[in-house]
mmCIF file of all heavy atoms, coordinates in Angstrom:
data_MODEL
# 
_entry.id   MODEL 
# 
loop_
_atom_site.group_PDB 
_atom_site.id 
_atom_site.type_symbol 
_atom_site.label_atom_id 
_atom_site.label_alt_id 
_atom_site.label_comp_id 
_atom_site.label_asym_id 
_atom_site.label_entity_id 
_atom_site.label_seq_id 
_atom_site.pdbx_PDB_ins_code 
_atom_site.Cartn_x 
_atom_site.Cartn_y 
_atom_site.Cartn_z 
_atom_site.occupancy 
_atom_site.B_iso_or_equiv 
_atom_site.pdbx_formal_charge 
_atom_site.auth_seq_id 
_atom_site.auth_comp_id 
_atom_site.auth_asym_id 
_atom_site.auth_atom_id 
_atom_site.pdbx_PDB_model_num 
ATOM 1   N N   . THR A 1 1  ? 7.891   -1.132 4.465   1.00 0.00 ? 1  THR A N   1 
ATOM 2   C CA  . THR A 1 1  ? 6.793   -1.206 3.518   1.00 0.00 ? 1  THR A CA  1 
ATOM 3   C C   . THR A 1 1  ? 7.105   -0.330 2.303   1.00 0.00 ? 1  THR A C   1 
ATOM 4   O O   . THR A 1 1  ? 6.919   -0.726 1.143   1.00 0.00 ? 1  THR A O   1 
ATOM 5   C CB  . THR A 1 1  ? 5.462   -0.777 4.148   1.00 0.00 ? 1  THR A CB  1 
ATOM 6   O OG1 . THR A 1 1  ? 5.195   -1.639 5.258   1.00 0.00 ? 1  THR A OG1 1 
ATOM 7   C CG2 . THR A 1 1  ? 4.339   -0.831 3.156   1.00 0.00 ? 1  THR A CG2 1 
ATOM 8   N N   . ARG A 1 2  ? 7.545   0.917  2.553   1.00 0.00 ? 2  ARG A N   1 
ATOM 9   C CA  . ARG A 1 2  ? 7.879   1.822  1.472   1.00 0.00 ? 2  ARG A CA  1 
ATOM 10  C C   . ARG A 1 2  ? 8.966   1.197  0.570   1.00 0.00 ? 2  ARG A C   1 
ATOM 11  O O   . ARG A 1 2  ? 8.881   1.258  -0.645  1.00 0.00 ? 2  ARG A O   1 
ATOM 12  C CB  . ARG A 1 2  ? 8.413   3.151  2.033   1.00 0.00 ? 2  ARG A CB  1 
ATOM 13  C CG  . ARG A 1 2  ? 7.336   4.106  2.472   1.00 0.00 ? 2  ARG A CG  1 
ATOM 14  C CD  . ARG A 1 2  ? 7.886   5.518  2.516   1.00 0.00 ? 2  ARG A CD  1 
ATOM 15  N NE  . ARG A 1 2  ? 7.160   6.412  3.385   1.00 0.00 ? 2  ARG A NE  1 
ATOM 16  C CZ  . ARG A 1 2  ? 7.463   6.634  4.657   1.00 0.00 ? 2  ARG A CZ  1 
ATOM 17  N NH1 . ARG A 1 2  ? 8.481   6.014  5.205   1.00 0.00 ? 2  ARG A NH1 1 
ATOM 18  N NH2 . ARG A 1 2  ? 6.696   7.415  5.385   1.00 0.00 ? 2  ARG A NH2 1 
ATOM 19  N N   . GLU A 1 3  ? 9.994   0.641  1.204   1.00 0.00 ? 3  GLU A N   1 
ATOM 20  C CA  . GLU A 1 3  ? 11.127  0.113  0.478   1.00 0.00 ? 3  GLU A CA  1 
ATOM 21  C C   . GLU A 1 3  ? 10.697  -1.065 -0.421  1.00 0.00 ? 3  GLU A C   1 
ATOM 22  O O   . GLU A 1 3  ? 11.136  -1.166 -1.568  1.00 0.00 ? 3  GLU A O   1 
ATOM 23  C CB  . GLU A 1 3  ? 12.217  -0.349 1.428   1.00 0.00 ? 3  GLU A CB  1 
ATOM 24  C CG  . GLU A 1 3  ? 13.471  -0.872 0.752   1.00 0.00 ? 3  GLU A CG  1 
ATOM 25  C CD  . GLU A 1 3  ? 14.551  -1.307 1.727   1.00 0.00 ? 3  GLU A CD  1 
ATOM 26  O OE1 . GLU A 1 3  ? 14.398  -1.032 2.946   1.00 0.00 ? 3  GLU A OE1 1 
ATOM 27  O OE2 . GLU A 1 3  ? 15.562  -1.874 1.274   1.00 0.00 ? 3  GLU A OE2 1 
ATOM 28  N N   . ILE A 1 4  ? 9.835   -1.928 0.101   1.00 0.00 ? 4  ILE A N   1 
ATOM 29  C CA  . ILE A 1 4  ? 9.456   -3.117 -0.632  1.00 0.00 ? 4  ILE A CA  1 
ATOM 30  C C   . ILE A 1 4  ? 8.491   -2.792 -1.766  1.00 0.00 ? 4  ILE A C   1 
ATOM 31  O O   . ILE A 1 4  ? 8.418   -3.494 -2.788  1.00 0.00 ? 4  ILE A O   1 
ATOM 32  C CB  . ILE A 1 4  ? 8.886   -4.196 0.352   1.00 0.00 ? 4  ILE A CB  1 
ATOM 33  C CG1 . ILE A 1 4  ? 9.104   -5.579 -0.233  1.00 0.00 ? 4  ILE A CG1 1 
ATOM 34  C CG2 . ILE A 1 4  ? 7.417   -3.937 0.646   1.00 0.00 ? 4  ILE A CG2 1 
ATOM 35  C CD1 . ILE A 1 4  ? 8.871   -6.676 0.772   1.00 0.00 ? 4  ILE A CD1 1 
ATOM 36  N N   . LEU A 1 5  ? 7.716   -1.702 -1.620  1.00 0.00 ? 5  LEU A N   1 
ATOM 37  C CA  . LEU A 1 5  ? 6.785   -1.298 -2.671  1.00 0.00 ? 5  LEU A CA  1 
ATOM 38  C C   . LEU A 1 5  ? 7.392   -0.347 -3.670  1.00 0.00 ? 5  LEU A C   1 
ATOM 39  O O   . LEU A 1 5  ? 6.831   -0.117 -4.751  1.00 0.00 ? 5  LEU A O   1 
ATOM 40  C CB  . LEU A 1 5  ? 5.515   -0.635 -2.041  1.00 0.00 ? 5  LEU A CB  1 
ATOM 41  C CG  . LEU A 1 5  ? 4.620   -1.549 -1.251  1.00 0.00 ? 5  LEU A CG  1 
ATOM 42  C CD1 . LEU A 1 5  ? 3.527   -0.689 -0.585  1.00 0.00 ? 5  LEU A CD1 1 
ATOM 43  C CD2 . LEU A 1 5  ? 3.984   -2.610 -2.122  1.00 0.00 ? 5  LEU A CD2 1 
ATOM 44  N N   . ALA A 1 6  ? 8.549   0.225  -3.331  1.00 0.00 ? 6  ALA A N   1 
ATOM 45  C CA  . ALA A 1 6  ? 9.167   1.289  -4.135  1.00 0.00 ? 6  ALA A CA  1 
ATOM 46  C C   . ALA A 1 6  ? 9.332   0.898  -5.601  1.00 0.00 ? 6  ALA A C   1 
ATOM 47  O O   . ALA A 1 6  ? 9.021   1.725  -6.510  1.00 0.00 ? 6  ALA A O   1 
ATOM 48  C CB  . ALA A 1 6  ? 10.483  1.707  -3.509  1.00 0.00 ? 6  ALA A CB  1 
ATOM 49  N N   . PRO A 1 7  ? 9.820   -0.313 -5.937  1.00 0.00 ? 7  PRO A N   1 
ATOM 50  C CA  . PRO A 1 7  ? 10.017  -0.646 -7.373  1.00 0.00 ? 7  PRO A CA  1 
ATOM 51  C C   . PRO A 1 7  ? 8.715   -0.498 -8.170  1.00 0.00 ? 7  PRO A C   1 
ATOM 52  O O   . PRO A 1 7  ? 8.772   -0.026 -9.326  1.00 0.00 ? 7  PRO A O   1 
ATOM 53  C CB  . PRO A 1 7  ? 10.518  -2.064 -7.335  1.00 0.00 ? 7  PRO A CB  1 
ATOM 54  C CG  . PRO A 1 7  ? 11.131  -2.241 -5.996  1.00 0.00 ? 7  PRO A CG  1 
ATOM 55  C CD  . PRO A 1 7  ? 10.305  -1.408 -5.054  1.00 0.00 ? 7  PRO A CD  1 
ATOM 56  N N   . PHE A 1 8  ? 7.609   -0.930 -7.591  1.00 0.00 ? 8  PHE A N   1 
ATOM 57  C CA  . PHE A 1 8  ? 6.333   -0.815 -8.316  1.00 0.00 ? 8  PHE A CA  1 
ATOM 58  C C   . PHE A 1 8  ? 5.889   0.638  -8.464  1.00 0.00 ? 8  PHE A C   1 
ATOM 59  O O   . PHE A 1 8  ? 5.489   1.071  -9.561  1.00 0.00 ? 8  PHE A O   1 
ATOM 60  C CB  . PHE A 1 8  ? 5.235   -1.591 -7.549  1.00 0.00 ? 8  PHE A CB  1 
ATOM 61  C CG  . PHE A 1 8  ? 5.396   -3.074 -7.538  1.00 0.00 ? 8  PHE A CG  1 
ATOM 62  C CD1 . PHE A 1 8  ? 5.724   -3.724 -6.364  1.00 0.00 ? 8  PHE A CD1 1 
ATOM 63  C CD2 . PHE A 1 8  ? 5.272   -3.832 -8.693  1.00 0.00 ? 8  PHE A CD2 1 
ATOM 64  C CE1 . PHE A 1 8  ? 5.866   -5.097 -6.336  1.00 0.00 ? 8  PHE A CE1 1 
ATOM 65  C CE2 . PHE A 1 8  ? 5.444   -5.191 -8.709  1.00 0.00 ? 8  PHE A CE2 1 
ATOM 66  C CZ  . PHE A 1 8  ? 5.742   -5.864 -7.521  1.00 0.00 ? 8  PHE A CZ  1 
ATOM 67  N N   . LEU A 1 9  ? 5.960   1.377  -7.375  1.00 0.00 ? 9  LEU A N   1 
ATOM 68  C CA  . LEU A 1 9  ? 5.494   2.752  -7.350  1.00 0.00 ? 9  LEU A CA  1 
ATOM 69  C C   . LEU A 1 9  ? 6.381   3.660  -8.212  1.00 0.00 ? 9  LEU A C   1 
ATOM 70  O O   . LEU A 1 9  ? 5.898   4.534  -8.924  1.00 0.00 ? 9  LEU A O   1 
ATOM 71  C CB  . LEU A 1 9  ? 5.400   3.274  -5.928  1.00 0.00 ? 9  LEU A CB  1 
ATOM 72  C CG  . LEU A 1 9  ? 4.486   2.419  -4.998  1.00 0.00 ? 9  LEU A CG  1 
ATOM 73  C CD1 . LEU A 1 9  ? 4.544   2.995  -3.581  1.00 0.00 ? 9  LEU A CD1 1 
ATOM 74  C CD2 . LEU A 1 9  ? 3.026   2.454  -5.501  1.00 0.00 ? 9  LEU A CD2 1 
ATOM 75  N N   . ASP A 1 10 ? 7.700   3.420  -8.151  1.00 0.00 ? 10 ASP A N   1 
ATOM 76  C CA  . ASP A 1 10 ? 8.609   4.202  -8.980  1.00 0.00 ? 10 ASP A CA  1 
ATOM 77  C C   . ASP A 1 10 ? 8.348   4.018  -10.469 1.00 0.00 ? 10 ASP A C   1 
ATOM 78  O O   . ASP A 1 10 ? 8.595   4.901  -11.270 1.00 0.00 ? 10 ASP A O   1 
ATOM 79  C CB  . ASP A 1 10 ? 10.052  3.855  -8.678  1.00 0.00 ? 10 ASP A CB  1 
ATOM 80  C CG  . ASP A 1 10 ? 10.499  4.335  -7.264  1.00 0.00 ? 10 ASP A CG  1 
ATOM 81  O OD1 . ASP A 1 10 ? 9.755   5.158  -6.678  1.00 0.00 ? 10 ASP A OD1 1 
ATOM 82  O OD2 . ASP A 1 10 ? 11.503  3.858  -6.781  1.00 0.00 ? 10 ASP A OD2 1 
ATOM 83  N N   . PHE A 1 11 ? 7.863   2.836  -10.814 1.00 0.00 ? 11 PHE A N   1 
ATOM 84  C CA  . PHE A 1 11 ? 7.606   2.519  -12.209 1.00 0.00 ? 11 PHE A CA  1 
ATOM 85  C C   . PHE A 1 11 ? 6.323   3.202  -12.707 1.00 0.00 ? 11 PHE A C   1 
ATOM 86  O O   . PHE A 1 11 ? 6.062   3.290  -13.936 1.00 0.00 ? 11 PHE A O   1 
ATOM 87  C CB  . PHE A 1 11 ? 7.480   1.012  -12.399 1.00 0.00 ? 11 PHE A CB  1 
ATOM 88  C CG  . PHE A 1 11 ? 7.375   0.600  -13.834 1.00 0.00 ? 11 PHE A CG  1 
ATOM 89  C CD1 . PHE A 1 11 ? 8.467   0.673  -14.683 1.00 0.00 ? 11 PHE A CD1 1 
ATOM 90  C CD2 . PHE A 1 11 ? 6.165   0.087  -14.318 1.00 0.00 ? 11 PHE A CD2 1 
ATOM 91  C CE1 . PHE A 1 11 ? 8.353   0.283  -16.024 1.00 0.00 ? 11 PHE A CE1 1 
ATOM 92  C CE2 . PHE A 1 11 ? 6.061   -0.283 -15.647 1.00 0.00 ? 11 PHE A CE2 1 
ATOM 93  C CZ  . PHE A 1 11 ? 7.163   -0.211 -16.511 1.00 0.00 ? 11 PHE A CZ  1 
ATOM 94  N N   . GLY A 1 12 ? 5.491   3.679  -11.785 1.00 0.00 ? 12 GLY A N   1 
ATOM 95  C CA  . GLY A 1 12 ? 4.259   4.357  -12.151 1.00 0.00 ? 12 GLY A CA  1 
ATOM 96  C C   . GLY A 1 12 ? 3.007   3.530  -11.910 1.00 0.00 ? 12 GLY A C   1 
ATOM 97  O O   . GLY A 1 12 ? 1.899   3.904  -12.331 1.00 0.00 ? 12 GLY A O   1 
ATOM 98  N N   . LEU A 1 13 ? 3.142   2.365  -11.227 1.00 0.00 ? 13 LEU A N   1 
ATOM 99  C CA  . LEU A 1 13 ? 1.967   1.588  -10.879 1.00 0.00 ? 13 LEU A CA  1 
ATOM 100 C C   . LEU A 1 13 ? 1.310   2.236  -9.674  1.00 0.00 ? 13 LEU A C   1 
ATOM 101 O O   . LEU A 1 13 ? 1.966   2.793  -8.802  1.00 0.00 ? 13 LEU A O   1 
ATOM 102 C CB  . LEU A 1 13 ? 2.359   0.135  -10.584 1.00 0.00 ? 13 LEU A CB  1 
ATOM 103 C CG  . LEU A 1 13 ? 3.182   -0.581 -11.630 1.00 0.00 ? 13 LEU A CG  1 
ATOM 104 C CD1 . LEU A 1 13 ? 3.358   -2.038 -11.259 1.00 0.00 ? 13 LEU A CD1 1 
ATOM 105 C CD2 . LEU A 1 13 ? 2.545   -0.478 -13.005 1.00 0.00 ? 13 LEU A CD2 1 
ATOM 106 N N   . ARG A 1 14 ? -0.055  2.118  -9.612  1.00 0.00 ? 14 ARG A N   1 
ATOM 107 C CA  . ARG A 1 14 ? -0.754  2.714  -8.504  1.00 0.00 ? 14 ARG A CA  1 
ATOM 108 C C   . ARG A 1 14 ? -1.074  1.662  -7.447  1.00 0.00 ? 14 ARG A C   1 
ATOM 109 O O   . ARG A 1 14 ? -1.014  0.454  -7.708  1.00 0.00 ? 14 ARG A O   1 
ATOM 110 C CB  . ARG A 1 14 ? -2.020  3.393  -9.020  1.00 0.00 ? 14 ARG A CB  1 
ATOM 111 C CG  . ARG A 1 14 ? -1.723  4.704  -9.749  1.00 0.00 ? 14 ARG A CG  1 
ATOM 112 C CD  . ARG A 1 14 ? -3.009  5.283  -10.342 1.00 0.00 ? 14 ARG A CD  1 
ATOM 113 N NE  . ARG A 1 14 ? -3.448  4.534  -11.508 1.00 0.00 ? 14 ARG A NE  1 
ATOM 114 C CZ  . ARG A 1 14 ? -4.571  4.782  -12.173 1.00 0.00 ? 14 ARG A CZ  1 
ATOM 115 N NH1 . ARG A 1 14 ? -5.381  5.750  -11.751 1.00 0.00 ? 14 ARG A NH1 1 
ATOM 116 N NH2 . ARG A 1 14 ? -4.903  4.090  -13.221 1.00 0.00 ? 14 ARG A NH2 1 
ATOM 117 N N   . LEU A 1 15 ? -1.412  2.133  -6.248  1.00 0.00 ? 15 LEU A N   1 
ATOM 118 C CA  . LEU A 1 15 ? -1.584  1.221  -5.118  1.00 0.00 ? 15 LEU A CA  1 
ATOM 119 C C   . LEU A 1 15 ? -3.025  1.287  -4.617  1.00 0.00 ? 15 LEU A C   1 
ATOM 120 O O   . LEU A 1 15 ? -3.621  2.351  -4.430  1.00 0.00 ? 15 LEU A O   1 
ATOM 121 C CB  . LEU A 1 15 ? -0.632  1.669  -3.982  1.00 0.00 ? 15 LEU A CB  1 
ATOM 122 C CG  . LEU A 1 15 ? -0.733  0.896  -2.669  1.00 0.00 ? 15 LEU A CG  1 
ATOM 123 C CD1 . LEU A 1 15 ? -0.345  -0.583 -2.843  1.00 0.00 ? 15 LEU A CD1 1 
ATOM 124 C CD2 . LEU A 1 15 ? 0.167   1.550  -1.613  1.00 0.00 ? 15 LEU A CD2 1 
ATOM 125 N N   . ALA A 1 16 ? -3.589  0.075  -4.393  1.00 0.00 ? 16 ALA A N   1 
ATOM 126 C CA  . ALA A 1 16 ? -4.914  -0.053 -3.785  1.00 0.00 ? 16 ALA A CA  1 
ATOM 127 C C   . ALA A 1 16 ? -4.800  -0.882 -2.528  1.00 0.00 ? 16 ALA A C   1 
ATOM 128 O O   . ALA A 1 16 ? -4.059  -1.875 -2.482  1.00 0.00 ? 16 ALA A O   1 
ATOM 129 C CB  . ALA A 1 16 ? -5.878  -0.739 -4.758  1.00 0.00 ? 16 ALA A CB  1 
ATOM 130 N N   . ILE A 1 17 ? -5.503  -0.454 -1.458  1.00 0.00 ? 17 ILE A N   1 
ATOM 131 C CA  . ILE A 1 17 ? -5.585  -1.250 -0.237  1.00 0.00 ? 17 ILE A CA  1 
ATOM 132 C C   . ILE A 1 17 ? -6.848  -2.067 -0.290  1.00 0.00 ? 17 ILE A C   1 
ATOM 133 O O   . ILE A 1 17 ? -7.967  -1.559 -0.402  1.00 0.00 ? 17 ILE A O   1 
ATOM 134 C CB  . ILE A 1 17 ? -5.606  -0.329 1.014   1.00 0.00 ? 17 ILE A CB  1 
ATOM 135 C CG1 . ILE A 1 17 ? -4.399  0.592  1.011   1.00 0.00 ? 17 ILE A CG1 1 
ATOM 136 C CG2 . ILE A 1 17 ? -5.637  -1.188 2.276   1.00 0.00 ? 17 ILE A CG2 1 
ATOM 137 C CD1 . ILE A 1 17 ? -3.072  -0.093 1.052   1.00 0.00 ? 17 ILE A CD1 1 
ATOM 138 N N   . ASP A 1 18 ? -6.695  -3.392 -0.235  1.00 0.00 ? 18 ASP A N   1 
ATOM 139 C CA  . ASP A 1 18 ? -7.815  -4.323 -0.335  1.00 0.00 ? 18 ASP A CA  1 
ATOM 140 C C   . ASP A 1 18 ? -8.370  -4.685 1.055   1.00 0.00 ? 18 ASP A C   1 
ATOM 141 O O   . ASP A 1 18 ? -7.663  -4.540 2.037   1.00 0.00 ? 18 ASP A O   1 
ATOM 142 C CB  . ASP A 1 18 ? -7.351  -5.607 -1.048  1.00 0.00 ? 18 ASP A CB  1 
ATOM 143 C CG  . ASP A 1 18 ? -8.510  -6.444 -1.504  1.00 0.00 ? 18 ASP A CG  1 
ATOM 144 O OD1 . ASP A 1 18 ? -9.659  -5.968 -1.583  1.00 0.00 ? 18 ASP A OD1 1 
ATOM 145 O OD2 . ASP A 1 18 ? -8.279  -7.661 -1.781  1.00 0.00 ? 18 ASP A OD2 1 
ATOM 146 N N   . ASP A 1 19 ? -9.610  -5.066 1.100   1.00 0.00 ? 19 ASP A N   1 
ATOM 147 C CA  . ASP A 1 19 ? -10.275 -5.534 2.348   1.00 0.00 ? 19 ASP A CA  1 
ATOM 148 C C   . ASP A 1 19 ? -10.180 -4.416 3.410   1.00 0.00 ? 19 ASP A C   1 
ATOM 149 O O   . ASP A 1 19 ? -10.031 -4.707 4.593   1.00 0.00 ? 19 ASP A O   1 
ATOM 150 C CB  . ASP A 1 19 ? -9.662  -6.790 2.893   1.00 0.00 ? 19 ASP A CB  1 
ATOM 151 C CG  . ASP A 1 19 ? -9.828  -7.946 1.930   1.00 0.00 ? 19 ASP A CG  1 
ATOM 152 O OD1 . ASP A 1 19 ? -10.741 -7.916 1.091   1.00 0.00 ? 19 ASP A OD1 1 
ATOM 153 O OD2 . ASP A 1 19 ? -9.046  -8.927 1.984   1.00 0.00 ? 19 ASP A OD2 1 
ATOM 154 N N   . PHE A 1 20 ? -10.294 -3.170 2.999   1.00 0.00 ? 20 PHE A N   1 
ATOM 155 C CA  . PHE A 1 20 ? -10.177 -2.067 3.962   1.00 0.00 ? 20 PHE A CA  1 
ATOM 156 C C   . PHE A 1 20 ? -11.406 -2.057 4.883   1.00 0.00 ? 20 PHE A C   1 
ATOM 157 O O   . PHE A 1 20 ? -12.529 -2.236 4.433   1.00 0.00 ? 20 PHE A O   1 
ATOM 158 C CB  . PHE A 1 20 ? -10.059 -0.738 3.268   1.00 0.00 ? 20 PHE A CB  1 
ATOM 159 C CG  . PHE A 1 20 ? -9.661  0.410  4.184   1.00 0.00 ? 20 PHE A CG  1 
ATOM 160 C CD1 . PHE A 1 20 ? -8.373  0.580  4.546   1.00 0.00 ? 20 PHE A CD1 1 
ATOM 161 C CD2 . PHE A 1 20 ? -10.649 1.243  4.715   1.00 0.00 ? 20 PHE A CD2 1 
ATOM 162 C CE1 . PHE A 1 20 ? -7.981  1.625  5.400   1.00 0.00 ? 20 PHE A CE1 1 
ATOM 163 C CE2 . PHE A 1 20 ? -10.292 2.272  5.592   1.00 0.00 ? 20 PHE A CE2 1 
ATOM 164 C CZ  . PHE A 1 20 ? -8.949  2.433  5.942   1.00 0.00 ? 20 PHE A CZ  1 
ATOM 165 N N   . GLY A 1 21 ? -11.142 -1.908 6.192   1.00 0.00 ? 21 GLY A N   1 
ATOM 166 C CA  . GLY A 1 21 ? -12.227 -1.856 7.141   1.00 0.00 ? 21 GLY A CA  1 
ATOM 167 C C   . GLY A 1 21 ? -12.227 -3.047 8.092   1.00 0.00 ? 21 GLY A C   1 
ATOM 168 O O   . GLY A 1 21 ? -12.987 -3.091 9.054   1.00 0.00 ? 21 GLY A O   1 
ATOM 169 N N   . VAL A 1 22 ? -11.366 -4.074 7.764   1.00 0.00 ? 22 VAL A N   1 
ATOM 170 C CA  . VAL A 1 22 ? -11.197 -5.196 8.678   1.00 0.00 ? 22 VAL A CA  1 
ATOM 171 C C   . VAL A 1 22 ? -9.706  -5.348 8.977   1.00 0.00 ? 22 VAL A C   1 
ATOM 172 O O   . VAL A 1 22 ? -8.885  -4.715 8.351   1.00 0.00 ? 22 VAL A O   1 
ATOM 173 C CB  . VAL A 1 22 ? -11.739 -6.517 8.105   1.00 0.00 ? 22 VAL A CB  1 
ATOM 174 C CG1 . VAL A 1 22 ? -13.246 -6.424 7.869   1.00 0.00 ? 22 VAL A CG1 1 
ATOM 175 C CG2 . VAL A 1 22 ? -11.043 -6.853 6.805   1.00 0.00 ? 22 VAL A CG2 1 
ATOM 176 N N   . GLY A 1 23 ? -9.375  -6.227 9.868   1.00 0.00 ? 23 GLY A N   1 
ATOM 177 C CA  . GLY A 1 23 ? -7.936  -6.449 10.141  1.00 0.00 ? 23 GLY A CA  1 
ATOM 178 C C   . GLY A 1 23 ? -7.385  -5.257 10.929  1.00 0.00 ? 23 GLY A C   1 
ATOM 179 O O   . GLY A 1 23 ? -8.010  -4.714 11.838  1.00 0.00 ? 23 GLY A O   1 
ATOM 180 N N   . TYR A 1 24 ? -6.249  -4.759 10.469  1.00 0.00 ? 24 TYR A N   1 
ATOM 181 C CA  . TYR A 1 24 ? -5.505  -3.769 11.244  1.00 0.00 ? 24 TYR A CA  1 
ATOM 182 C C   . TYR A 1 24 ? -6.097  -2.378 11.059  1.00 0.00 ? 24 TYR A C   1 
ATOM 183 O O   . TYR A 1 24 ? -6.092  -1.550 11.947  1.00 0.00 ? 24 TYR A O   1 
ATOM 184 C CB  . TYR A 1 24 ? -4.032  -3.754 10.832  1.00 0.00 ? 24 TYR A CB  1 
ATOM 185 C CG  . TYR A 1 24 ? -3.351  -5.061 11.052  1.00 0.00 ? 24 TYR A CG  1 
ATOM 186 C CD1 . TYR A 1 24 ? -3.010  -5.882 9.968   1.00 0.00 ? 24 TYR A CD1 1 
ATOM 187 C CD2 . TYR A 1 24 ? -3.066  -5.509 12.339  1.00 0.00 ? 24 TYR A CD2 1 
ATOM 188 C CE1 . TYR A 1 24 ? -2.391  -7.093 10.175  1.00 0.00 ? 24 TYR A CE1 1 
ATOM 189 C CE2 . TYR A 1 24 ? -2.438  -6.720 12.549  1.00 0.00 ? 24 TYR A CE2 1 
ATOM 190 C CZ  . TYR A 1 24 ? -2.106  -7.520 11.461  1.00 0.00 ? 24 TYR A CZ  1 
ATOM 191 O OH  . TYR A 1 24 ? -1.471  -8.702 11.694  1.00 0.00 ? 24 TYR A OH  1 
ATOM 192 N N   . SER A 1 25 ? -6.579  -2.043 9.852   1.00 0.00 ? 25 SER A N   1 
ATOM 193 C CA  . SER A 1 25 ? -7.141  -0.709 9.569   1.00 0.00 ? 25 SER A CA  1 
ATOM 194 C C   . SER A 1 25 ? -6.281  0.390  10.097  1.00 0.00 ? 25 SER A C   1 
ATOM 195 O O   . SER A 1 25 ? -6.729  1.315  10.764  1.00 0.00 ? 25 SER A O   1 
ATOM 196 C CB  . SER A 1 25 ? -8.553  -0.617 10.149  1.00 0.00 ? 25 SER A CB  1 
ATOM 197 O OG  . SER A 1 25 ? -9.438  -1.489 9.512   1.00 0.00 ? 25 SER A OG  1 
ATOM 198 N N   . SER A 1 26 ? -4.982  0.341  9.809   1.00 0.00 ? 26 SER A N   1 
ATOM 199 C CA  . SER A 1 26 ? -4.064  1.353  10.263  1.00 0.00 ? 26 SER A CA  1 
ATOM 200 C C   . SER A 1 26 ? -4.140  2.572  9.343   1.00 0.00 ? 26 SER A C   1 
ATOM 201 O O   . SER A 1 26 ? -3.807  2.471  8.153   1.00 0.00 ? 26 SER A O   1 
ATOM 202 C CB  . SER A 1 26 ? -2.635  0.831  10.318  1.00 0.00 ? 26 SER A CB  1 
ATOM 203 O OG  . SER A 1 26 ? -1.758  1.863  10.646  1.00 0.00 ? 26 SER A OG  1 
ATOM 204 N N   . LEU A 1 27 ? -4.556  3.713  9.888   1.00 0.00 ? 27 LEU A N   1 
ATOM 205 C CA  . LEU A 1 27 ? -4.714  4.907  9.047   1.00 0.00 ? 27 LEU A CA  1 
ATOM 206 C C   . LEU A 1 27 ? -3.339  5.548  8.715   1.00 0.00 ? 27 LEU A C   1 
ATOM 207 O O   . LEU A 1 27 ? -3.238  6.383  7.830   1.00 0.00 ? 27 LEU A O   1 
ATOM 208 C CB  . LEU A 1 27 ? -5.548  5.929  9.764   1.00 0.00 ? 27 LEU A CB  1 
ATOM 209 C CG  . LEU A 1 27 ? -7.000  5.461  10.085  1.00 0.00 ? 27 LEU A CG  1 
ATOM 210 C CD1 . LEU A 1 27 ? -7.783  6.540  10.778  1.00 0.00 ? 27 LEU A CD1 1 
ATOM 211 C CD2 . LEU A 1 27 ? -7.688  5.012  8.814   1.00 0.00 ? 27 LEU A CD2 1 
ATOM 212 N N   . ASN A 1 28 ? -2.274  5.086  9.416   1.00 0.00 ? 28 ASN A N   1 
ATOM 213 C CA  . ASN A 1 28 ? -0.925  5.591  9.080   1.00 0.00 ? 28 ASN A CA  1 
ATOM 214 C C   . ASN A 1 28 ? -0.568  5.350  7.630   1.00 0.00 ? 28 ASN A C   1 
ATOM 215 O O   . ASN A 1 28 ? 0.088   6.183  6.999   1.00 0.00 ? 28 ASN A O   1 
ATOM 216 C CB  . ASN A 1 28 ? 0.131   4.923  9.984   1.00 0.00 ? 28 ASN A CB  1 
ATOM 217 C CG  . ASN A 1 28 ? 0.120   5.488  11.384  1.00 0.00 ? 28 ASN A CG  1 
ATOM 218 O OD1 . ASN A 1 28 ? -0.407  6.552  11.600  1.00 0.00 ? 28 ASN A OD1 1 
ATOM 219 N ND2 . ASN A 1 28 ? 0.627   4.727  12.323  1.00 0.00 ? 28 ASN A ND2 1 
ATOM 220 N N   . TYR A 1 29 ? -1.008  4.204  7.101   1.00 0.00 ? 29 TYR A N   1 
ATOM 221 C CA  . TYR A 1 29 ? -0.679  3.859  5.734   1.00 0.00 ? 29 TYR A CA  1 
ATOM 222 C C   . TYR A 1 29 ? -1.328  4.860  4.741   1.00 0.00 ? 29 TYR A C   1 
ATOM 223 O O   . TYR A 1 29 ? -0.737  5.179  3.710   1.00 0.00 ? 29 TYR A O   1 
ATOM 224 C CB  . TYR A 1 29 ? -1.075  2.424  5.419   1.00 0.00 ? 29 TYR A CB  1 
ATOM 225 C CG  . TYR A 1 29 ? -0.244  1.426  6.150   1.00 0.00 ? 29 TYR A CG  1 
ATOM 226 C CD1 . TYR A 1 29 ? -0.775  0.687  7.163   1.00 0.00 ? 29 TYR A CD1 1 
ATOM 227 C CD2 . TYR A 1 29 ? 1.085   1.197  5.777   1.00 0.00 ? 29 TYR A CD2 1 
ATOM 228 C CE1 . TYR A 1 29 ? 0.036   -0.248 7.864   1.00 0.00 ? 29 TYR A CE1 1 
ATOM 229 C CE2 . TYR A 1 29 ? 1.890   0.274  6.449   1.00 0.00 ? 29 TYR A CE2 1 
ATOM 230 C CZ  . TYR A 1 29 ? 1.351   -0.413 7.486   1.00 0.00 ? 29 TYR A CZ  1 
ATOM 231 O OH  . TYR A 1 29 ? 2.119   -1.342 8.161   1.00 0.00 ? 29 TYR A OH  1 
# 
């Protein structure tokens, strides 16, 4: 996950987790 998101994050784009509270809800992320 880190590797695949790295190009966006390295460029300075920020990350939002959508639909939080359903599905996997893994707090590790």
